[in-house]
Each structure stands twice: as structure tokens, then as C-alpha cells.
């Protein structure tokens, strides 16, 4: 009799455990449906094909004279100089390659970079490097709805403290394809100010 009772209790426990496990499995969310091959192909095509986002950068392509103003000290008048910039489409109209050379305070400054629109992330990106540093600056941002103004933000290491400090590019597009780029940063203070202004005038 004891054997039968023990067997009955075990059977009841196993039944309850099985029911509990089934209930827990039923509460689990269903696994997401796998994307079809057609959906994957279409997504990849959208990611790699130039479109309206890249078109907004068309006005920046060409050869430009650059009037440069630099404010080492925001309380003092800017240092003025000149430069030349050549921007070209590369990799099938997916990226704008920027080549820049000029003088700042009598010293030669040259640099180059790339600007692009990421179709998937839906954000504008830029990478810049020049002889004024040894690091690559990465910007992210976007245009306003009219496509006339863009704000690109980055973070760089302060050369004095080594700590991260914000940097910002504010770009205003003109009707003739010229544009004005302002660089805003912290300098040696704790408030952002306009450190540099570059006025691009198309020559070709």
C-alpha cells in the first residue's frame, strides 16, 4: 500500500511539474519570423545604393577658394588666411572626398577627409584628418528639412588634459554651391565658441 501511495504522489507531482513547464513555455514570446530572401536582398540594395541622402552633398563637390578665419582667443580679432579645397565623388557617388590645403598663421595646413550619408542609420557622417593633429575626427549629424544647414558633432581628446571634449561643425549651403563651415569647440575654457570659420567660394 505504501508503495502505491508513493507512486501516486510521484505521478501527481510529475503531472503538476509538466503542467507548470507547459504554462511557462506558453508565456514565452514567439520567436521573430525570419526575413525572406527577397526582403534581405531589398534591404541590402537600399543600403548600398546612392539616393536622396547623397544628393544633398552634390553642392559640396567641386573646386573652391577658402577664406579662413581662426579665433585662438575668442576675445581677440580672428587670424585670416586663405586655402584651396577640392571635393570629388568617390566609390560610385557614395562618398565625398575632401582635399584641403592652405596657411594658418603662416604655417602650412593640409588635410583630407570623407563625408557620407548612411542609408541604413539615416545619418550623415564625416571623417577628417590633417597636419594639425595626429588623430582622426569622426562627426555625425544631419541636415535641416530644407537641406540648407547641417550640424555635425564629434568628440576629441583635449590636447592639454587628454579628456574628451565636444566639437561641432555647422554648415550653411549657398545657392551657387558655395558653403560656410563654422567649427565650434571649447578651447581652453568651459563654454563652446566659434574657433574657425571657412567660407567656400566655387571656382570650378
N, C-alpha and C. Protein backbone atom coordinates (compact mmCIF):
# COMPACT_ATOMS: atom_id res chain seq x y z
N UNK A 1 0.83 -1.21 0.00
CA UNK A 1 0.00 0.00 0.00
C UNK A 1 0.86 1.26 0.00
N UNK A 2 1.91 1.25 0.86
CA UNK A 2 2.80 2.40 0.90
C UNK A 2 3.45 2.64 -0.45
N UNK A 3 3.78 1.53 -1.13
CA UNK A 3 4.41 1.63 -2.44
C UNK A 3 3.46 2.30 -3.43
N UNK A 4 2.21 1.92 -3.40
CA UNK A 4 1.22 2.50 -4.31
C UNK A 4 1.00 3.98 -4.00
N UNK A 5 0.93 4.29 -2.70
CA UNK A 5 0.74 5.69 -2.31
C UNK A 5 1.89 6.56 -2.80
N UNK A 6 3.12 6.06 -2.60
CA UNK A 6 4.31 6.81 -3.04
C UNK A 6 4.29 7.00 -4.55
N UNK A 7 3.89 5.95 -5.26
CA UNK A 7 3.81 6.03 -6.73
C UNK A 7 2.76 7.04 -7.17
N UNK A 8 1.62 7.06 -6.47
CA UNK A 8 0.55 8.01 -6.82
C UNK A 8 1.00 9.45 -6.59
N UNK A 9 1.66 9.70 -5.46
CA UNK A 9 2.15 11.05 -5.16
C UNK A 9 3.16 11.51 -6.21
N UNK A 10 4.07 10.58 -6.59
CA UNK A 10 5.08 10.90 -7.59
C UNK A 10 4.43 11.25 -8.93
N UNK A 11 3.39 10.46 -9.28
CA UNK A 11 2.69 10.71 -10.54
C UNK A 11 2.03 12.08 -10.54
N UNK A 12 1.41 12.46 -9.40
CA UNK A 12 0.77 13.77 -9.28
C UNK A 12 1.79 14.90 -9.40
N UNK A 13 2.94 14.75 -8.72
CA UNK A 13 3.99 15.76 -8.77
C UNK A 13 4.50 15.93 -10.19
N UNK A 14 4.75 14.82 -10.88
CA UNK A 14 5.24 14.88 -12.26
C UNK A 14 4.23 15.56 -13.16
N UNK A 15 2.95 15.26 -12.92
CA UNK A 15 1.90 15.90 -13.73
C UNK A 15 1.86 17.40 -13.50
N UNK A 16 1.98 17.81 -12.23
CA UNK A 16 1.97 19.25 -11.91
C UNK A 16 3.18 19.95 -12.51
N UNK A 17 4.35 19.30 -12.41
CA UNK A 17 5.57 19.89 -12.99
C UNK A 17 5.46 20.03 -14.51
N UNK A 18 4.90 19.02 -15.14
CA UNK A 18 4.73 19.07 -16.59
C UNK A 18 3.79 20.21 -16.97
N UNK A 19 2.71 20.37 -16.20
CA UNK A 19 1.78 21.45 -16.48
C UNK A 19 2.40 22.82 -16.29
N UNK A 20 3.24 22.95 -15.22
CA UNK A 20 3.91 24.22 -14.95
C UNK A 20 4.88 24.56 -16.07
N UNK A 21 5.62 23.55 -16.53
CA UNK A 21 6.58 23.78 -17.62
C UNK A 21 5.87 24.20 -18.89
N UNK A 22 4.74 23.56 -19.18
CA UNK A 22 3.97 23.90 -20.37
C UNK A 22 3.46 25.35 -20.29
N UNK A 23 2.99 25.72 -19.08
CA UNK A 23 2.47 27.09 -18.89
C UNK A 23 3.57 28.12 -19.09
N UNK A 24 4.79 27.82 -18.57
CA UNK A 24 5.90 28.75 -18.72
C UNK A 24 6.30 28.88 -20.19
N UNK A 25 6.30 27.74 -20.90
CA UNK A 25 6.64 27.78 -22.33
C UNK A 25 5.61 28.57 -23.11
N UNK A 26 4.35 28.48 -22.68
CA UNK A 26 3.29 29.19 -23.39
C UNK A 26 3.42 30.69 -23.23
N UNK A 27 4.02 31.14 -22.09
CA UNK A 27 4.17 32.57 -21.84
C UNK A 27 5.34 33.18 -22.62
N UNK A 28 6.25 32.33 -23.09
CA UNK A 28 7.41 32.85 -23.82
C UNK A 28 6.95 33.46 -25.13
N UNK A 29 7.51 34.64 -25.49
CA UNK A 29 7.12 35.26 -26.77
C UNK A 29 7.58 34.38 -27.93
N UNK A 30 6.79 34.41 -28.96
CA UNK A 30 7.15 33.62 -30.14
C UNK A 30 8.43 34.17 -30.77
N UNK A 31 9.23 33.31 -31.30
CA UNK A 31 10.47 33.73 -31.96
C UNK A 31 10.13 34.59 -33.16
N UNK A 32 10.90 35.67 -33.37
CA UNK A 32 10.60 36.55 -34.51
C UNK A 32 10.72 35.79 -35.82
N UNK A 33 9.83 36.13 -36.73
CA UNK A 33 9.84 35.46 -38.03
C UNK A 33 11.10 35.83 -38.80
N UNK A 34 11.67 34.88 -39.48
CA UNK A 34 12.86 35.13 -40.28
C UNK A 34 12.49 35.92 -41.53
N UNK A 35 13.34 36.91 -41.87
CA UNK A 35 13.10 37.70 -43.07
C UNK A 35 13.27 36.83 -44.30
N UNK A 36 12.45 37.08 -45.29
CA UNK A 36 12.55 36.31 -46.52
C UNK A 36 13.79 36.74 -47.29
N UNK A 37 14.22 35.89 -48.20
CA UNK A 37 15.39 36.20 -49.02
C UNK A 37 15.16 37.47 -49.82
N UNK A 38 13.92 37.65 -50.30
CA UNK A 38 13.60 38.85 -51.08
C UNK A 38 13.73 40.11 -50.23
N UNK A 39 13.28 40.05 -48.97
CA UNK A 39 13.38 41.20 -48.07
C UNK A 39 14.83 41.54 -47.77
N UNK A 40 15.65 40.52 -47.56
CA UNK A 40 17.07 40.73 -47.28
C UNK A 40 17.76 41.38 -48.47
N UNK A 41 17.50 40.88 -49.66
CA UNK A 41 18.11 41.43 -50.88
C UNK A 41 17.72 42.89 -51.06
N UNK A 42 16.44 43.20 -50.85
CA UNK A 42 15.97 44.58 -51.00
C UNK A 42 16.63 45.50 -49.98
N UNK A 43 16.78 45.03 -48.72
CA UNK A 43 17.41 45.84 -47.68
C UNK A 43 18.87 46.12 -48.02
N UNK A 44 19.57 45.12 -48.53
CA UNK A 44 20.97 45.29 -48.90
C UNK A 44 21.11 46.26 -50.07
N UNK A 45 20.19 46.17 -51.03
CA UNK A 45 20.22 47.10 -52.17
C UNK A 45 20.00 48.53 -51.71
N UNK A 46 19.04 48.73 -50.79
CA UNK A 46 18.79 50.07 -50.26
C UNK A 46 20.00 50.61 -49.50
N UNK A 47 20.70 49.72 -48.79
CA UNK A 47 21.85 50.15 -48.00
C UNK A 47 23.01 50.60 -48.88
N UNK A 48 23.15 50.02 -50.06
CA UNK A 48 24.34 50.26 -50.88
C UNK A 48 24.11 51.20 -52.06
N UNK A 49 22.86 51.58 -52.31
CA UNK A 49 22.55 52.38 -53.50
C UNK A 49 22.46 53.87 -53.17
N UNK A 50 23.26 54.73 -53.83
CA UNK A 50 23.16 56.18 -53.59
C UNK A 50 21.76 56.68 -53.92
N UNK A 51 21.30 57.66 -53.13
CA UNK A 51 19.95 58.18 -53.32
C UNK A 51 19.83 59.61 -52.87
N UNK A 52 18.67 60.02 -52.35
CA UNK A 52 18.44 61.42 -51.95
C UNK A 52 19.42 61.91 -50.89
N UNK A 53 19.81 61.05 -49.97
CA UNK A 53 20.75 61.47 -48.92
C UNK A 53 22.08 61.91 -49.48
N UNK A 54 22.57 61.17 -50.46
CA UNK A 54 23.84 61.54 -51.10
C UNK A 54 23.66 62.78 -51.98
N UNK A 55 22.49 62.91 -52.58
CA UNK A 55 22.21 64.04 -53.47
C UNK A 55 22.40 65.38 -52.76
N UNK A 56 22.10 65.43 -51.47
CA UNK A 56 22.24 66.68 -50.73
C UNK A 56 23.70 67.14 -50.65
N UNK A 57 24.64 66.22 -50.85
CA UNK A 57 26.05 66.57 -50.78
C UNK A 57 26.60 67.04 -52.13
N UNK A 58 25.78 66.96 -53.18
CA UNK A 58 26.23 67.31 -54.52
C UNK A 58 26.79 68.73 -54.60
N UNK A 59 26.17 69.65 -53.88
CA UNK A 59 26.59 71.05 -53.95
C UNK A 59 27.99 71.26 -53.38
N UNK A 60 28.48 70.32 -52.60
CA UNK A 60 29.80 70.47 -52.00
C UNK A 60 30.91 69.95 -52.91
N UNK A 61 30.54 69.34 -54.03
CA UNK A 61 31.53 68.77 -54.95
C UNK A 61 32.02 69.85 -55.92
N UNK A 62 33.34 69.98 -56.06
CA UNK A 62 33.93 70.96 -56.95
C UNK A 62 35.23 71.49 -56.38
N UNK A 63 35.73 72.57 -56.98
CA UNK A 63 36.96 73.22 -56.52
C UNK A 63 36.58 74.57 -55.91
N UNK A 64 37.14 74.87 -54.75
CA UNK A 64 36.74 76.07 -54.01
C UNK A 64 37.94 76.84 -53.49
N UNK A 65 37.84 78.17 -53.55
CA UNK A 65 38.73 79.03 -52.76
C UNK A 65 38.13 79.14 -51.37
N UNK A 66 38.99 79.15 -50.37
CA UNK A 66 38.51 79.17 -48.99
C UNK A 66 39.08 80.39 -48.26
N UNK A 67 38.19 81.22 -47.74
CA UNK A 67 38.59 82.33 -46.87
C UNK A 67 38.47 81.84 -45.44
N UNK A 68 39.58 81.86 -44.73
CA UNK A 68 39.64 81.22 -43.41
C UNK A 68 39.83 82.26 -42.31
N UNK A 69 39.02 82.14 -41.27
CA UNK A 69 39.17 82.96 -40.07
C UNK A 69 39.34 82.04 -38.88
N UNK A 70 40.34 82.31 -38.04
CA UNK A 70 40.62 81.48 -36.87
C UNK A 70 40.65 82.35 -35.63
N UNK A 71 39.98 81.88 -34.56
CA UNK A 71 39.95 82.60 -33.29
C UNK A 71 40.69 81.79 -32.21
N UNK A 72 42.02 81.93 -32.08
CA UNK A 72 42.71 81.25 -30.97
C UNK A 72 42.20 81.75 -29.62
N UNK A 73 41.83 83.03 -29.59
CA UNK A 73 41.28 83.66 -28.39
C UNK A 73 39.97 84.33 -28.80
N UNK A 74 38.81 83.87 -28.28
CA UNK A 74 37.53 84.45 -28.70
C UNK A 74 37.38 85.93 -28.39
N UNK A 75 38.21 86.45 -27.49
CA UNK A 75 38.12 87.86 -27.12
C UNK A 75 38.91 88.75 -28.07
N UNK A 76 39.67 88.15 -29.00
CA UNK A 76 40.51 88.92 -29.91
C UNK A 76 40.04 88.75 -31.35
N UNK A 77 40.43 89.68 -32.25
CA UNK A 77 40.05 89.55 -33.67
C UNK A 77 40.62 88.26 -34.26
N UNK A 78 39.97 87.72 -35.29
CA UNK A 78 40.44 86.46 -35.88
C UNK A 78 41.70 86.63 -36.72
N UNK A 79 42.41 85.53 -36.87
CA UNK A 79 43.54 85.47 -37.78
C UNK A 79 42.98 85.03 -39.13
N UNK A 80 43.26 85.80 -40.20
CA UNK A 80 42.68 85.50 -41.51
C UNK A 80 43.73 84.91 -42.44
N UNK A 81 43.31 83.95 -43.25
CA UNK A 81 44.20 83.30 -44.21
C UNK A 81 43.38 82.70 -45.33
N UNK A 82 44.07 82.06 -46.31
CA UNK A 82 43.38 81.50 -47.47
C UNK A 82 43.80 80.06 -47.71
N UNK A 83 42.93 79.33 -48.39
CA UNK A 83 43.21 77.93 -48.69
C UNK A 83 42.47 77.54 -49.96
N UNK A 84 42.72 76.32 -50.41
CA UNK A 84 42.04 75.74 -51.56
C UNK A 84 41.50 74.37 -51.18
N UNK A 85 40.31 74.05 -51.68
CA UNK A 85 39.70 72.76 -51.37
C UNK A 85 39.15 72.13 -52.64
N UNK A 86 39.43 70.85 -52.82
CA UNK A 86 38.91 70.09 -53.97
C UNK A 86 38.09 68.91 -53.42
N UNK A 87 36.81 68.91 -53.74
CA UNK A 87 35.92 67.85 -53.30
C UNK A 87 35.44 67.03 -54.49
N UNK A 88 35.53 65.72 -54.40
CA UNK A 88 35.13 64.85 -55.51
C UNK A 88 34.31 63.67 -54.99
N UNK A 89 33.40 63.17 -55.85
CA UNK A 89 32.70 61.93 -55.54
C UNK A 89 33.63 60.76 -55.75
N UNK A 90 33.61 59.79 -54.84
CA UNK A 90 34.41 58.58 -55.00
C UNK A 90 33.53 57.36 -54.71
N UNK A 91 33.99 56.20 -55.14
CA UNK A 91 33.30 54.93 -54.93
C UNK A 91 31.86 54.98 -55.42
N UNK A 92 31.74 55.44 -56.68
CA UNK A 92 30.44 55.40 -57.33
C UNK A 92 29.42 56.35 -56.76
N UNK A 93 29.85 57.54 -56.34
CA UNK A 93 28.91 58.53 -55.82
C UNK A 93 28.40 58.24 -54.43
N UNK A 94 29.19 57.48 -53.66
CA UNK A 94 28.76 57.14 -52.30
C UNK A 94 29.41 58.01 -51.23
N UNK A 95 30.59 58.55 -51.53
CA UNK A 95 31.33 59.34 -50.56
C UNK A 95 31.92 60.56 -51.23
N UNK A 96 31.95 61.68 -50.52
CA UNK A 96 32.63 62.88 -51.00
C UNK A 96 34.02 62.91 -50.36
N UNK A 97 35.03 62.91 -51.21
CA UNK A 97 36.42 63.02 -50.73
C UNK A 97 36.84 64.48 -50.74
N UNK A 98 37.32 64.97 -49.61
CA UNK A 98 37.69 66.38 -49.45
C UNK A 98 39.20 66.51 -49.29
N UNK A 99 39.82 67.31 -50.15
CA UNK A 99 41.27 67.56 -50.07
C UNK A 99 41.46 69.06 -49.86
N UNK A 100 42.18 69.43 -48.83
CA UNK A 100 42.26 70.82 -48.38
C UNK A 100 43.71 71.21 -48.13
N UNK A 101 44.11 72.42 -48.54
CA UNK A 101 45.48 72.90 -48.29
C UNK A 101 45.48 74.42 -48.20
N UNK A 102 46.19 74.95 -47.21
CA UNK A 102 46.28 76.39 -47.05
C UNK A 102 47.24 76.75 -45.93
N UNK A 103 47.21 78.02 -45.55
CA UNK A 103 48.10 78.50 -44.48
C UNK A 103 47.26 79.06 -43.34
N UNK A 104 47.65 78.71 -42.13
CA UNK A 104 47.01 79.26 -40.94
C UNK A 104 48.10 79.87 -40.08
N UNK A 105 47.99 81.18 -39.86
CA UNK A 105 49.01 81.92 -39.10
C UNK A 105 50.40 81.69 -39.70
N UNK A 106 50.47 81.60 -41.03
CA UNK A 106 51.75 81.46 -41.71
C UNK A 106 52.27 80.05 -41.82
N UNK A 107 51.62 79.10 -41.19
CA UNK A 107 52.05 77.70 -41.25
C UNK A 107 51.17 76.91 -42.21
N UNK A 108 51.80 76.05 -43.00
CA UNK A 108 51.06 75.24 -43.96
C UNK A 108 50.19 74.23 -43.22
N UNK A 109 48.92 74.18 -43.60
CA UNK A 109 48.00 73.20 -43.03
C UNK A 109 47.32 72.48 -44.18
N UNK A 110 47.40 71.17 -44.19
CA UNK A 110 46.73 70.39 -45.23
C UNK A 110 45.99 69.24 -44.57
N UNK A 111 44.95 68.79 -45.24
CA UNK A 111 44.17 67.71 -44.68
C UNK A 111 43.24 67.11 -45.70
N UNK A 112 42.65 65.99 -45.37
CA UNK A 112 41.63 65.41 -46.22
C UNK A 112 40.67 64.59 -45.38
N UNK A 113 39.53 64.32 -45.97
CA UNK A 113 38.52 63.57 -45.24
C UNK A 113 37.44 63.07 -46.16
N UNK A 114 36.42 62.50 -45.57
CA UNK A 114 35.30 61.94 -46.33
C UNK A 114 33.99 62.28 -45.64
N UNK A 115 32.98 62.53 -46.47
CA UNK A 115 31.65 62.77 -45.95
C UNK A 115 30.69 61.82 -46.66
N UNK A 116 29.69 61.34 -45.92
CA UNK A 116 28.77 60.36 -46.50
C UNK A 116 27.43 60.41 -45.79
N UNK A 117 26.45 59.77 -46.43
CA UNK A 117 25.15 59.55 -45.80
C UNK A 117 24.95 58.06 -45.68
N UNK A 118 24.71 57.59 -44.47
CA UNK A 118 24.47 56.18 -44.21
C UNK A 118 22.98 55.90 -44.42
N UNK A 119 22.65 55.19 -45.51
CA UNK A 119 21.25 54.93 -45.82
C UNK A 119 20.55 54.12 -44.74
N UNK A 120 21.28 53.25 -44.06
CA UNK A 120 20.68 52.38 -43.06
C UNK A 120 20.46 53.11 -41.74
N UNK A 121 21.51 53.79 -41.25
CA UNK A 121 21.40 54.52 -39.99
C UNK A 121 20.69 55.86 -40.15
N UNK A 122 20.56 56.29 -41.42
CA UNK A 122 19.91 57.57 -41.74
C UNK A 122 20.58 58.74 -41.02
N UNK A 123 21.88 58.81 -41.16
CA UNK A 123 22.66 59.88 -40.54
C UNK A 123 23.83 60.24 -41.44
N UNK A 124 24.23 61.52 -41.41
CA UNK A 124 25.40 61.95 -42.15
C UNK A 124 26.64 61.73 -41.28
N UNK A 125 27.71 61.31 -41.91
CA UNK A 125 28.95 61.02 -41.21
C UNK A 125 30.12 61.67 -41.93
N UNK A 126 31.14 62.02 -41.19
CA UNK A 126 32.35 62.57 -41.78
C UNK A 126 33.56 62.13 -40.97
N UNK A 127 34.65 61.92 -41.66
CA UNK A 127 35.93 61.62 -41.02
C UNK A 127 36.95 62.62 -41.54
N UNK A 128 37.74 63.21 -40.64
CA UNK A 128 38.68 64.27 -41.04
C UNK A 128 40.02 64.07 -40.36
N UNK A 129 41.09 64.32 -41.11
CA UNK A 129 42.45 64.27 -40.56
C UNK A 129 43.28 65.35 -41.24
N UNK A 130 44.21 65.96 -40.50
CA UNK A 130 45.06 67.00 -41.09
C UNK A 130 46.39 67.07 -40.36
N UNK A 131 47.24 67.97 -40.86
CA UNK A 131 48.58 68.10 -40.28
C UNK A 131 48.58 68.86 -38.97
N UNK A 132 47.41 69.28 -38.52
CA UNK A 132 47.31 69.97 -37.24
C UNK A 132 47.10 69.03 -36.07
N UNK A 133 47.05 67.71 -36.35
CA UNK A 133 46.85 66.75 -35.29
C UNK A 133 47.37 65.39 -35.74
N UNK A 134 47.23 64.38 -34.87
CA UNK A 134 47.59 63.01 -35.25
C UNK A 134 46.41 62.07 -35.07
N UNK A 135 45.24 62.63 -34.88
CA UNK A 135 44.05 61.81 -34.69
C UNK A 135 43.04 62.03 -35.79
N UNK A 136 42.14 61.08 -35.96
CA UNK A 136 41.05 61.20 -36.92
C UNK A 136 39.79 61.61 -36.16
N UNK A 137 39.14 62.66 -36.65
CA UNK A 137 37.91 63.14 -36.01
C UNK A 137 36.71 62.57 -36.77
N UNK A 138 35.78 61.99 -36.04
CA UNK A 138 34.59 61.39 -36.63
C UNK A 138 33.36 62.21 -36.22
N UNK A 139 32.65 62.71 -37.23
CA UNK A 139 31.46 63.52 -37.00
C UNK A 139 30.21 62.75 -37.39
N UNK A 140 29.10 63.06 -36.71
CA UNK A 140 27.79 62.54 -37.09
C UNK A 140 26.77 63.66 -36.93
N UNK A 141 25.78 63.66 -37.82
CA UNK A 141 24.75 64.69 -37.72
C UNK A 141 23.78 64.62 -38.87
N UNK A 142 23.20 65.77 -39.21
CA UNK A 142 22.23 65.77 -40.29
C UNK A 142 21.86 67.18 -40.73
N UNK A 143 21.15 67.24 -41.86
CA UNK A 143 20.67 68.50 -42.41
C UNK A 143 19.30 68.83 -41.85
N UNK A 144 18.95 70.10 -41.93
CA UNK A 144 17.59 70.50 -41.61
C UNK A 144 16.68 70.05 -42.75
N UNK A 145 15.34 70.10 -42.57
CA UNK A 145 14.43 69.62 -43.61
C UNK A 145 14.63 70.29 -44.97
N UNK A 146 15.07 71.55 -44.98
CA UNK A 146 15.27 72.26 -46.24
C UNK A 146 16.58 71.87 -46.92
N UNK A 147 17.46 71.18 -46.21
CA UNK A 147 18.73 70.76 -46.78
C UNK A 147 19.73 71.89 -46.93
N UNK A 148 19.53 72.99 -46.21
CA UNK A 148 20.41 74.15 -46.35
C UNK A 148 21.40 74.28 -45.19
N UNK A 149 21.12 73.66 -44.08
CA UNK A 149 22.01 73.75 -42.92
C UNK A 149 22.22 72.37 -42.33
N UNK A 150 23.45 72.10 -41.92
CA UNK A 150 23.78 70.82 -41.31
C UNK A 150 24.56 71.06 -40.03
N UNK A 151 24.35 70.18 -39.06
CA UNK A 151 25.11 70.22 -37.82
C UNK A 151 25.74 68.85 -37.62
N UNK A 152 27.06 68.84 -37.47
CA UNK A 152 27.81 67.59 -37.30
C UNK A 152 28.56 67.67 -35.97
N UNK A 153 28.41 66.65 -35.13
CA UNK A 153 29.03 66.68 -33.81
C UNK A 153 30.08 65.59 -33.67
N UNK A 154 31.11 65.92 -32.88
CA UNK A 154 32.20 64.96 -32.64
C UNK A 154 32.71 65.15 -31.21
N UNK A 155 33.57 64.25 -30.82
CA UNK A 155 34.25 64.34 -29.52
C UNK A 155 35.72 64.05 -29.76
N UNK A 156 36.59 64.92 -29.24
CA UNK A 156 38.03 64.74 -29.41
C UNK A 156 38.71 64.82 -28.04
N UNK A 157 39.94 64.36 -27.99
CA UNK A 157 40.71 64.44 -26.75
C UNK A 157 41.34 65.82 -26.64
N UNK A 158 41.11 66.48 -25.51
CA UNK A 158 41.72 67.79 -25.27
C UNK A 158 43.24 67.62 -25.23
N UNK A 159 44.01 68.41 -26.03
CA UNK A 159 45.46 68.22 -26.07
C UNK A 159 46.17 68.52 -24.76
N UNK A 160 45.53 69.29 -23.87
CA UNK A 160 46.15 69.63 -22.59
C UNK A 160 45.80 68.60 -21.52
N UNK A 161 44.50 68.29 -21.40
CA UNK A 161 44.05 67.39 -20.34
C UNK A 161 43.91 65.93 -20.78
N UNK A 162 43.76 65.71 -22.09
CA UNK A 162 43.54 64.37 -22.59
C UNK A 162 42.11 63.90 -22.44
N UNK A 163 41.25 64.71 -21.82
CA UNK A 163 39.86 64.33 -21.62
C UNK A 163 39.02 64.65 -22.86
N UNK A 164 37.92 63.91 -23.00
CA UNK A 164 37.03 64.12 -24.14
C UNK A 164 36.40 65.50 -24.07
N UNK A 165 36.35 66.17 -25.22
CA UNK A 165 35.76 67.50 -25.30
C UNK A 165 34.94 67.58 -26.58
N UNK A 166 33.80 68.28 -26.57
CA UNK A 166 32.94 68.32 -27.76
C UNK A 166 33.47 69.23 -28.85
N UNK A 167 33.14 68.87 -30.07
CA UNK A 167 33.48 69.65 -31.25
C UNK A 167 32.27 69.63 -32.16
N UNK A 168 32.02 70.73 -32.84
CA UNK A 168 30.80 70.83 -33.65
C UNK A 168 31.07 71.58 -34.94
N UNK A 169 30.58 71.04 -36.06
CA UNK A 169 30.63 71.72 -37.35
C UNK A 169 29.22 72.18 -37.70
N UNK A 170 29.11 73.43 -38.10
CA UNK A 170 27.83 73.97 -38.54
C UNK A 170 28.01 74.44 -39.97
N UNK A 171 27.31 73.80 -40.89
CA UNK A 171 27.48 74.05 -42.32
C UNK A 171 26.25 74.73 -42.88
N UNK A 172 26.45 75.83 -43.61
CA UNK A 172 25.37 76.54 -44.29
C UNK A 172 25.62 76.51 -45.78
N UNK A 173 24.67 75.97 -46.56
CA UNK A 173 24.82 75.85 -48.00
C UNK A 173 24.27 77.08 -48.70
N UNK A 174 24.97 77.53 -49.76
CA UNK A 174 24.52 78.65 -50.57
C UNK A 174 23.94 78.15 -51.89
N UNK A 175 23.22 79.02 -52.59
CA UNK A 175 22.57 78.63 -53.83
C UNK A 175 23.56 78.23 -54.91
N UNK A 176 24.73 78.87 -54.94
CA UNK A 176 25.71 78.61 -56.01
C UNK A 176 26.62 77.43 -55.69
N UNK A 177 26.33 76.69 -54.66
CA UNK A 177 27.16 75.54 -54.32
C UNK A 177 28.26 75.87 -53.33
N UNK A 178 28.48 77.16 -53.07
CA UNK A 178 29.44 77.51 -52.03
C UNK A 178 28.83 77.20 -50.67
N UNK A 179 29.65 77.22 -49.65
CA UNK A 179 29.13 76.94 -48.32
C UNK A 179 30.03 77.55 -47.25
N UNK A 180 29.48 77.74 -46.09
CA UNK A 180 30.23 78.29 -44.96
C UNK A 180 30.23 77.24 -43.85
N UNK A 181 31.42 76.92 -43.39
CA UNK A 181 31.56 75.93 -42.31
C UNK A 181 32.12 76.62 -41.07
N UNK A 182 31.44 76.47 -39.97
CA UNK A 182 31.91 77.01 -38.69
C UNK A 182 32.32 75.85 -37.79
N UNK A 183 33.47 75.97 -37.16
CA UNK A 183 33.89 74.97 -36.18
C UNK A 183 33.76 75.57 -34.79
N UNK A 184 33.00 74.89 -33.95
CA UNK A 184 32.78 75.33 -32.58
C UNK A 184 33.41 74.33 -31.62
N UNK A 185 34.11 74.85 -30.61
CA UNK A 185 34.75 73.97 -29.64
C UNK A 185 34.92 74.68 -28.31
N UNK A 186 35.56 73.98 -27.38
CA UNK A 186 35.73 74.51 -26.03
C UNK A 186 36.99 75.35 -25.87
N UNK A 187 38.01 75.11 -26.70
CA UNK A 187 39.28 75.81 -26.48
C UNK A 187 39.83 75.47 -25.11
N UNK A 188 40.30 76.47 -24.40
CA UNK A 188 40.82 76.27 -23.05
C UNK A 188 39.79 76.61 -21.98
N UNK A 189 38.57 76.95 -22.42
CA UNK A 189 37.54 77.32 -21.45
C UNK A 189 36.53 76.22 -21.24
N UNK A 190 35.37 76.58 -20.71
CA UNK A 190 34.32 75.61 -20.45
C UNK A 190 33.03 75.96 -21.19
N UNK A 191 33.13 76.88 -22.17
CA UNK A 191 31.99 77.26 -22.98
C UNK A 191 32.36 77.17 -24.45
N UNK A 192 31.48 76.59 -25.27
CA UNK A 192 31.77 76.47 -26.69
C UNK A 192 31.77 77.84 -27.36
N UNK A 193 32.72 78.07 -28.25
CA UNK A 193 32.77 79.30 -29.02
C UNK A 193 33.23 78.97 -30.44
N UNK A 194 33.01 79.92 -31.35
CA UNK A 194 33.40 79.71 -32.74
C UNK A 194 34.92 79.83 -32.87
N UNK A 195 35.57 78.72 -33.15
CA UNK A 195 37.02 78.68 -33.24
C UNK A 195 37.51 78.96 -34.66
N UNK A 196 36.66 78.61 -35.65
CA UNK A 196 37.10 78.74 -37.03
C UNK A 196 35.89 78.95 -37.93
N UNK A 197 36.07 79.74 -38.97
CA UNK A 197 35.03 79.95 -39.98
C UNK A 197 35.68 79.84 -41.35
N UNK A 198 35.11 78.97 -42.21
CA UNK A 198 35.65 78.75 -43.54
C UNK A 198 34.57 79.06 -44.57
N UNK A 199 34.83 80.04 -45.43
CA UNK A 199 33.87 80.42 -46.47
C UNK A 199 34.38 79.88 -47.80
N UNK A 200 33.61 78.94 -48.38
CA UNK A 200 34.00 78.25 -49.62
C UNK A 200 33.32 78.94 -50.80
N UNK A 201 34.13 79.40 -51.78
CA UNK A 201 33.62 80.02 -52.98
C UNK A 201 33.99 79.16 -54.17
N UNK A 202 33.00 78.72 -54.92
CA UNK A 202 33.26 77.80 -56.03
C UNK A 202 34.05 78.47 -57.14
N UNK A 203 35.08 77.80 -57.62
CA UNK A 203 35.86 78.29 -58.77
C UNK A 203 35.73 77.35 -59.97
N UNK A 204 35.22 76.15 -59.72
CA UNK A 204 35.08 75.17 -60.81
C UNK A 204 34.00 74.15 -60.45
